[in-house]
Amino acid sequence: MRFTDDQQKTGQWIRTLSAQSYRGWKAFYHTKEWRAKRKEILDRDHSQCQRCRARGRYTMAVTVHHIKHLKDAPELALSDSNLQSLCEACHNEVHPEKQYTPNSFRNEEKW
């Protein structure tokens, strides 16, 4: 994939930021650039979940989702075309790995 010069600069900035911060990749989500972009995307989508909207439903969006994940394509972190507003349920659907699952190990043996 070819990136513009601005996208390459963004990718390098995010890689440097994540390498220098104890938060790692999560450090990006605490920047003023991300907070401004998040607000812009929620305004663009009228705070509606785009997946629910495609299904003919209305749900309030609470998350701005990277279609191509931040770790995989940091160059697209602030690109409007890579961001969509999602409700919590839809965001959990696209990120099942982030859902909390209690320890599945169960020892039925009684002492």
Protein backbone atom coordinates (compact mmCIF):
# COMPACT_ATOMS: atom_id res chain seq x y z
CA MET A 1 0.00 0.00 0.00
CA ARG A 2 1.29 3.45 -0.90
CA PHE A 3 1.02 6.25 1.62
CA THR A 4 1.20 10.00 1.15
CA ASP A 5 4.05 11.95 2.74
CA ASP A 6 1.70 13.17 5.50
CA GLN A 7 0.55 9.62 6.20
CA GLN A 8 4.15 8.41 6.38
CA LYS A 9 4.98 11.22 8.84
CA THR A 10 1.95 10.26 10.93
CA GLY A 11 3.02 6.61 10.95
CA GLN A 12 6.54 7.49 12.04
CA TRP A 13 5.24 9.83 14.75
CA ILE A 14 2.96 7.11 16.15
CA ARG A 15 5.71 4.47 16.08
CA THR A 16 8.05 6.83 17.95
CA LEU A 17 5.33 7.81 20.42
CA SER A 18 4.45 4.20 21.20
CA ALA A 19 8.10 3.19 21.56
CA GLN A 20 8.81 6.00 24.03
CA SER A 21 5.69 5.68 26.16
CA TYR A 22 4.99 3.16 28.88
CA ARG A 23 1.48 2.98 27.41
CA GLY A 24 2.78 1.57 24.14
CA TRP A 25 0.27 1.85 21.30
CA LYS A 26 -2.37 3.17 23.70
CA ALA A 27 -0.37 6.40 24.08
CA PHE A 28 -1.79 7.56 20.74
CA TYR A 29 -5.32 7.60 22.17
CA HIS A 30 -4.25 10.18 24.76
CA THR A 31 -2.97 12.74 22.22
CA LYS A 32 -4.77 15.96 21.37
CA GLU A 33 -4.60 14.96 17.68
CA TRP A 34 -6.61 11.81 18.33
CA ARG A 35 -9.14 13.54 20.59
CA ALA A 36 -9.76 16.18 17.90
CA LYS A 37 -10.04 13.58 15.12
CA ARG A 38 -12.37 11.41 17.23
CA LYS A 39 -14.71 14.36 17.76
CA GLU A 40 -14.56 15.21 14.05
CA ILE A 41 -15.52 11.64 13.05
CA LEU A 42 -18.37 11.45 15.58
CA ASP A 43 -19.66 14.78 14.22
CA ARG A 44 -19.30 13.54 10.64
CA ASP A 45 -21.34 10.42 11.44
CA HIS A 46 -23.86 12.38 13.58
CA SER A 47 -22.87 10.18 16.56
CA GLN A 48 -24.62 7.22 14.91
CA CYS A 49 -23.20 3.72 14.79
CA GLN A 50 -22.42 3.09 11.13
CA ARG A 51 -22.84 -0.69 11.33
CA CYS A 52 -26.27 -0.38 12.96
CA ARG A 53 -27.24 2.30 10.47
CA ALA A 54 -26.36 -0.05 7.59
CA ARG A 55 -28.78 -2.56 9.17
CA GLY A 56 -31.57 0.01 9.39
CA ARG A 57 -31.25 0.67 13.12
CA TYR A 58 -30.28 3.74 15.13
CA THR A 59 -27.76 3.37 17.94
CA MET A 60 -25.65 6.04 19.56
CA ALA A 61 -21.95 5.69 18.72
CA VAL A 62 -19.48 5.82 21.58
CA THR A 63 -16.31 4.64 19.84
CA VAL A 64 -14.36 5.63 16.76
CA HIS A 65 -12.96 2.45 15.23
CA HIS A 66 -9.88 2.04 13.04
CA ILE A 67 -10.92 -0.19 10.13
CA LYS A 68 -7.26 -1.05 9.54
CA HIS A 69 -5.89 -1.46 13.05
CA LEU A 70 -3.52 1.11 14.49
CA LYS A 71 -0.72 -1.43 15.00
CA ASP A 72 -1.02 -2.70 11.41
CA ALA A 73 -1.30 0.65 9.65
CA PRO A 74 -0.32 3.60 11.88
CA GLU A 75 -0.06 5.71 8.72
CA LEU A 76 -3.88 5.60 8.48
CA ALA A 77 -4.49 6.47 12.14
CA LEU A 78 -5.89 9.92 11.34
CA SER A 79 -7.36 9.19 7.88
CA ASP A 80 -11.09 9.79 7.69
CA SER A 81 -11.57 6.87 5.31
CA ASN A 82 -10.10 4.47 7.90
CA LEU A 83 -12.33 5.62 10.77
CA GLN A 84 -15.95 4.87 11.57
CA SER A 85 -18.24 5.53 14.50
CA LEU A 86 -19.50 2.43 16.31
CA CYS A 87 -21.68 1.62 19.29
CA GLU A 88 -20.20 -0.49 22.07
CA ALA A 89 -21.92 -3.70 20.90
CA CYS A 90 -20.66 -3.37 17.32
CA HIS A 91 -17.16 -2.48 18.49
CA ASN A 92 -17.14 -5.62 20.62
CA GLU A 93 -18.26 -7.62 17.55
CA VAL A 94 -15.32 -6.39 15.49
CA HIS A 95 -12.90 -6.87 18.42
CA PRO A 96 -13.87 -10.16 20.08
CA GLU A 97 -10.29 -10.49 21.33
CA LYS A 98 -10.79 -7.47 23.60
CA GLN A 99 -13.81 -8.84 25.41
CA TYR A 100 -13.31 -9.93 28.98
CA THR A 101 -13.60 -13.65 29.49
CA PRO A 102 -13.25 -15.03 32.98
CA ASN A 103 -10.71 -17.77 33.51
CA SER A 104 -12.09 -20.73 31.60
CA PHE A 105 -10.08 -23.28 33.57
CA ARG A 106 -12.32 -25.08 35.98
CA ASN A 107 -11.16 -27.76 38.34
CA GLU A 108 -14.11 -29.89 39.33
CA GLU A 109 -12.04 -31.97 41.71
CA LYS A 110 -13.08 -31.54 45.33
CA TRP A 111 -10.51 -32.20 48.04
